Protein backbone atom coordinates (compact mmCIF):
# COMPACT_ATOMS: atom_id res chain seq x y z
CA MET A 1 38.67 -7.84 -28.92
CA ASN A 2 39.21 -10.89 -26.72
CA VAL A 3 42.90 -11.65 -26.31
CA LEU A 4 44.16 -14.90 -24.77
CA VAL A 5 47.80 -14.85 -23.66
CA LEU A 6 49.33 -18.24 -22.95
CA ASN A 7 52.44 -17.59 -20.86
CA GLY A 8 54.59 -20.69 -21.13
CA SER A 9 57.47 -19.56 -18.95
CA PRO A 10 57.94 -21.75 -15.86
CA LYS A 11 59.48 -18.82 -13.96
CA LYS A 12 57.78 -15.92 -12.20
CA LYS A 13 60.53 -13.57 -13.39
CA SER A 14 60.31 -14.38 -17.07
CA ASP A 15 62.65 -12.87 -19.64
CA THR A 16 60.34 -13.53 -22.57
CA PHE A 17 57.21 -12.35 -20.79
CA ARG A 18 58.80 -8.93 -20.25
CA LEU A 19 58.70 -8.60 -24.05
CA THR A 20 55.08 -9.74 -24.12
CA GLU A 21 54.10 -7.30 -21.37
CA SER A 22 55.63 -4.44 -23.35
CA PHE A 23 53.81 -5.61 -26.47
CA LEU A 24 50.49 -5.73 -24.59
CA LYS A 25 51.11 -2.26 -23.17
CA GLY A 26 51.30 -0.88 -26.69
CA PHE A 27 48.52 -3.07 -28.05
CA ASN A 28 46.04 -2.12 -25.33
CA LYS A 29 47.15 1.50 -25.10
CA ASN A 30 43.54 2.70 -25.35
CA GLN A 31 42.17 -0.02 -23.03
CA ASN A 32 39.86 -1.29 -25.77
CA HIS A 33 40.54 -5.00 -25.36
CA LYS A 34 39.81 -7.77 -22.89
CA ILE A 35 43.04 -9.60 -22.09
CA ASP A 36 43.19 -12.94 -20.26
CA VAL A 37 46.67 -14.11 -19.23
CA ILE A 38 47.08 -17.78 -18.38
CA ASN A 39 50.27 -18.77 -16.55
CA VAL A 40 50.30 -22.30 -17.89
CA ILE A 41 52.80 -23.64 -15.33
CA ASP A 42 50.22 -22.97 -12.60
CA LYS A 43 47.54 -25.06 -14.31
CA ASN A 44 46.86 -28.77 -14.01
CA ILE A 45 47.13 -29.97 -17.60
CA ALA A 46 47.82 -33.65 -18.13
CA PRO A 47 49.41 -34.99 -21.33
CA CYS A 48 47.07 -36.05 -24.13
CA GLN A 49 46.10 -39.73 -23.73
CA GLY A 50 45.55 -40.28 -27.45
CA CYS A 51 42.19 -41.84 -26.63
CA PHE A 52 40.24 -39.73 -29.18
CA GLY A 53 37.35 -39.55 -26.73
CA CYS A 54 36.96 -35.93 -27.80
CA TRP A 55 36.31 -37.07 -31.37
CA ALA A 56 33.71 -39.52 -30.15
CA LYS A 57 31.82 -36.75 -28.31
CA MET A 58 32.54 -33.88 -30.74
CA ASP A 59 31.52 -31.27 -28.18
CA GLY A 60 34.76 -29.28 -28.23
CA TYR A 61 35.99 -30.58 -24.88
CA CYS A 62 38.55 -33.10 -23.64
CA VAL A 63 37.43 -36.13 -21.66
CA ILE A 64 40.21 -35.50 -19.10
CA GLN A 65 38.80 -33.43 -16.26
CA ASP A 66 41.47 -30.89 -15.43
CA ASP A 67 42.13 -27.21 -16.22
CA GLN A 68 42.32 -27.64 -20.00
CA ASN A 69 38.60 -27.39 -20.76
CA ALA A 70 38.32 -23.96 -19.14
CA ILE A 71 41.24 -22.85 -21.32
CA LEU A 72 39.52 -24.30 -24.40
CA ASP A 73 36.51 -22.08 -23.65
CA LEU A 74 38.77 -19.02 -23.67
CA TYR A 75 40.58 -20.32 -26.76
CA LYS A 76 37.36 -20.72 -28.75
CA ASN A 77 36.19 -17.21 -27.88
CA ALA A 78 39.50 -15.46 -28.54
CA ASP A 79 40.05 -13.10 -31.43
CA ILE A 80 43.79 -13.11 -30.79
CA ILE A 81 45.95 -15.77 -29.15
CA ILE A 82 49.47 -14.89 -28.03
CA TRP A 83 51.81 -17.79 -27.27
CA SER A 84 54.65 -16.41 -25.12
CA PHE A 85 57.44 -18.74 -24.01
CA PRO A 86 61.17 -19.37 -23.80
CA LEU A 87 62.83 -21.79 -26.20
CA TYR A 88 63.31 -25.25 -24.63
CA CYS A 89 65.34 -27.76 -26.63
CA TYR A 90 64.52 -25.84 -29.83
CA ALA A 91 60.76 -26.00 -29.16
CA MET A 92 58.09 -25.19 -26.55
CA PRO A 93 58.40 -26.01 -22.84
CA SER A 94 56.69 -29.35 -22.17
CA HIS A 95 53.82 -27.96 -20.08
CA LEU A 96 52.86 -25.59 -22.90
CA LYS A 97 53.19 -28.34 -25.50
CA ALA A 98 50.73 -30.41 -23.43
CA LEU A 99 48.23 -27.57 -23.71
CA LEU A 100 48.77 -27.39 -27.47
CA ASP A 101 48.43 -31.17 -27.86
CA ARG A 102 45.12 -31.02 -26.06
CA THR A 103 43.55 -28.51 -28.43
CA ILE A 104 42.67 -31.54 -30.56
CA PRO A 105 39.02 -31.38 -29.37
CA LEU A 106 38.73 -28.25 -31.53
CA VAL A 107 39.19 -30.23 -34.76
CA LYS A 108 37.43 -33.21 -36.33
CA MET A 109 38.88 -36.53 -37.43
CA LYS A 110 37.80 -35.63 -40.99
CA MET A 111 40.76 -34.65 -43.17
CA ILE A 112 40.85 -31.91 -45.80
CA GLN A 113 43.40 -31.65 -48.59
CA GLU A 114 44.30 -28.11 -49.61
CA ALA A 115 45.06 -27.01 -53.16
CA ASP A 116 48.80 -27.18 -52.43
CA GLY A 117 48.49 -30.80 -51.25
CA THR A 118 48.67 -29.97 -47.53
CA VAL A 119 46.42 -32.20 -45.42
CA ARG A 120 44.79 -30.94 -42.22
CA HIS A 121 41.93 -31.83 -39.91
CA GLU A 122 38.69 -29.91 -40.39
CA ALA A 123 38.09 -27.42 -37.59
CA LEU A 124 35.10 -27.92 -35.32
CA ALA A 125 34.36 -24.20 -35.56
CA ASP A 126 35.40 -21.35 -37.84
CA PHE A 127 38.81 -20.21 -36.62
CA SER A 128 39.69 -18.45 -39.88
CA LYS A 129 39.32 -15.01 -38.29
CA MET A 130 41.49 -15.86 -35.27
CA HIS A 131 44.89 -14.17 -35.19
CA THR A 132 47.91 -15.87 -33.67
CA LEU A 133 51.14 -14.31 -32.46
CA VAL A 134 54.12 -16.28 -31.17
CA ILE A 135 56.73 -14.52 -29.03
CA CYS A 136 59.69 -16.73 -28.17
CA GLY A 137 62.94 -15.82 -26.48
CA CYS A 138 66.11 -17.80 -25.97
CA GLY A 139 69.49 -17.62 -24.28
CA PHE A 140 71.51 -18.18 -27.45
CA PRO A 141 73.42 -15.19 -28.85
CA ASP A 142 71.98 -15.31 -32.34
CA TRP A 143 68.97 -16.34 -34.40
CA ASP A 144 70.09 -18.61 -37.23
CA GLY A 145 69.24 -22.28 -36.76
CA ASN A 146 68.02 -22.01 -33.20
CA PHE A 147 64.37 -21.29 -33.98
CA ASP A 148 63.96 -23.23 -37.24
CA GLY A 149 62.21 -26.27 -35.76
CA LEU A 150 59.89 -24.12 -33.67
CA LYS A 151 58.92 -21.93 -36.62
CA ALA A 152 58.13 -24.99 -38.74
CA MET A 153 55.88 -26.40 -35.99
CA CYS A 154 54.06 -23.11 -35.41
CA LYS A 155 53.40 -22.61 -39.11
CA GLN A 156 51.83 -26.09 -39.24
CA CYS A 157 49.83 -25.73 -36.02
CA PHE A 158 48.52 -22.18 -36.45
CA CYS A 159 46.90 -20.34 -39.34
CA ASN A 160 49.27 -17.69 -40.75
CA PRO A 161 50.89 -16.83 -37.41
CA ASP A 162 53.13 -13.86 -36.77
CA ILE A 163 56.29 -15.26 -35.16
CA VAL A 164 58.88 -13.19 -33.31
CA CYS A 165 62.01 -15.00 -32.08
CA VAL A 166 64.38 -13.06 -29.85
CA PRO A 167 67.93 -14.10 -28.85
CA GLU A 168 69.83 -13.02 -25.72
CA THR A 169 66.67 -12.59 -23.63
CA PRO A 170 68.43 -13.27 -20.27
CA LEU A 171 69.79 -9.73 -20.65
CA LEU A 172 66.26 -8.44 -19.98
CA ASN A 173 66.58 -9.32 -16.30
CA VAL A 174 70.14 -8.08 -15.81
CA PRO A 175 70.03 -4.55 -14.33
CA ALA A 176 73.39 -3.61 -15.86
CA ALA A 177 72.01 -4.47 -19.33
CA ALA A 178 69.14 -1.98 -19.13
CA VAL A 179 70.96 0.27 -21.60
CA VAL A 180 70.35 -2.32 -24.35
CA ALA A 181 67.25 -4.04 -22.91
CA ASP A 182 65.09 -0.94 -22.48
CA PRO A 183 65.28 0.06 -26.17
CA LEU A 184 64.16 -3.46 -27.13
CA LEU A 185 61.23 -3.28 -24.72
CA ALA A 186 60.30 0.08 -26.24
CA LYS A 187 60.34 -1.50 -29.72
CA PHE A 188 58.00 -4.24 -28.51
CA GLU A 189 55.62 -1.63 -27.12
CA LYS A 190 55.65 0.13 -30.49
CA ALA A 191 55.05 -3.22 -32.22
CA GLY A 192 52.00 -3.71 -30.02
CA GLU A 193 50.63 -0.40 -31.25
CA GLU A 194 51.20 -1.53 -34.84
CA TYR A 195 49.46 -4.83 -34.21
CA ALA A 196 46.43 -3.06 -32.70
CA VAL A 197 45.91 -1.27 -36.01
CA SER A 198 46.63 -4.00 -38.56
CA LEU A 199 46.44 -7.28 -36.56
CA THR A 200 49.74 -8.29 -38.07
CA LEU A 201 53.40 -7.26 -37.94
CA SER A 202 55.37 -6.10 -40.95
CA LYS A 203 58.47 -8.02 -41.96
CA GLU A 204 60.51 -4.93 -41.13
CA THR A 205 59.07 -4.77 -37.61
CA VAL A 206 59.75 -8.46 -36.95
CA ALA A 207 63.31 -8.08 -38.23
CA SER A 208 63.92 -5.12 -35.91
CA LEU A 209 62.61 -7.05 -32.89
CA GLU A 210 64.87 -10.01 -33.60
CA ILE A 211 68.18 -8.12 -33.74
CA PRO A 212 70.52 -9.28 -30.93
CA MET A 213 71.01 -6.65 -28.24
CA ILE A 214 74.80 -6.98 -28.09
CA PRO A 215 77.43 -8.58 -30.38
CA LYS A 216 77.67 -12.36 -30.31
CA ASP A 217 81.24 -12.54 -28.99
CA GLU A 218 80.50 -10.07 -26.20
CA TYR A 219 77.40 -12.02 -25.16
CA ILE A 220 79.30 -15.32 -25.03
CA ARG A 221 82.06 -13.74 -22.93
CA ASN A 222 79.49 -12.46 -20.45
CA VAL A 223 77.67 -15.81 -20.23
CA ASN A 224 80.95 -17.67 -19.72
CA GLY A 225 82.16 -15.15 -17.15
CA ILE A 226 85.31 -14.41 -19.14
């Protein structure tokens, strides 16, 4: 399978991407898959101009000549897309959001109303067999409320995505926290093995990946240096 990994972290030493690397290790355990990793921060991707030139051409490409069109080629040919990024202001980092905004050449202006009343743009190609996984980490000590806006956006933007939201991810790059970080990384590797078989994650697996590594009060004390 062709796997496109969109790494949205702006840092070379990314907390969230450590989780994604462990997941990929399990997923590609048998080296059966082609994996392309794009470090989005290194790419020249301008904001969408809202010109709808892509809808005038309908060729699946953006009229802006930068790095986005090469990414669209990978996007169109991917069987699995993994969006990996830290939570920024309860959503995606801006450079990754620019990439998402500029996937509009992959849909038509024509609107379709689903049986449940939901309205969407018709896709330029058949993306129904594409699988999407979102892995997002944050520096908050718990889950509730912090990822709600992001989850709502991802469910609207992607078709039946698997979404894993992990709190306390700065612990992943603290050597003294290895005692709690390493077991989480091992769980992500195991989750990758599960995904390789079923191309989805069970609710139980997602729940286990989202459990905070240490108690909330202890995490806050450590962050505040108390």
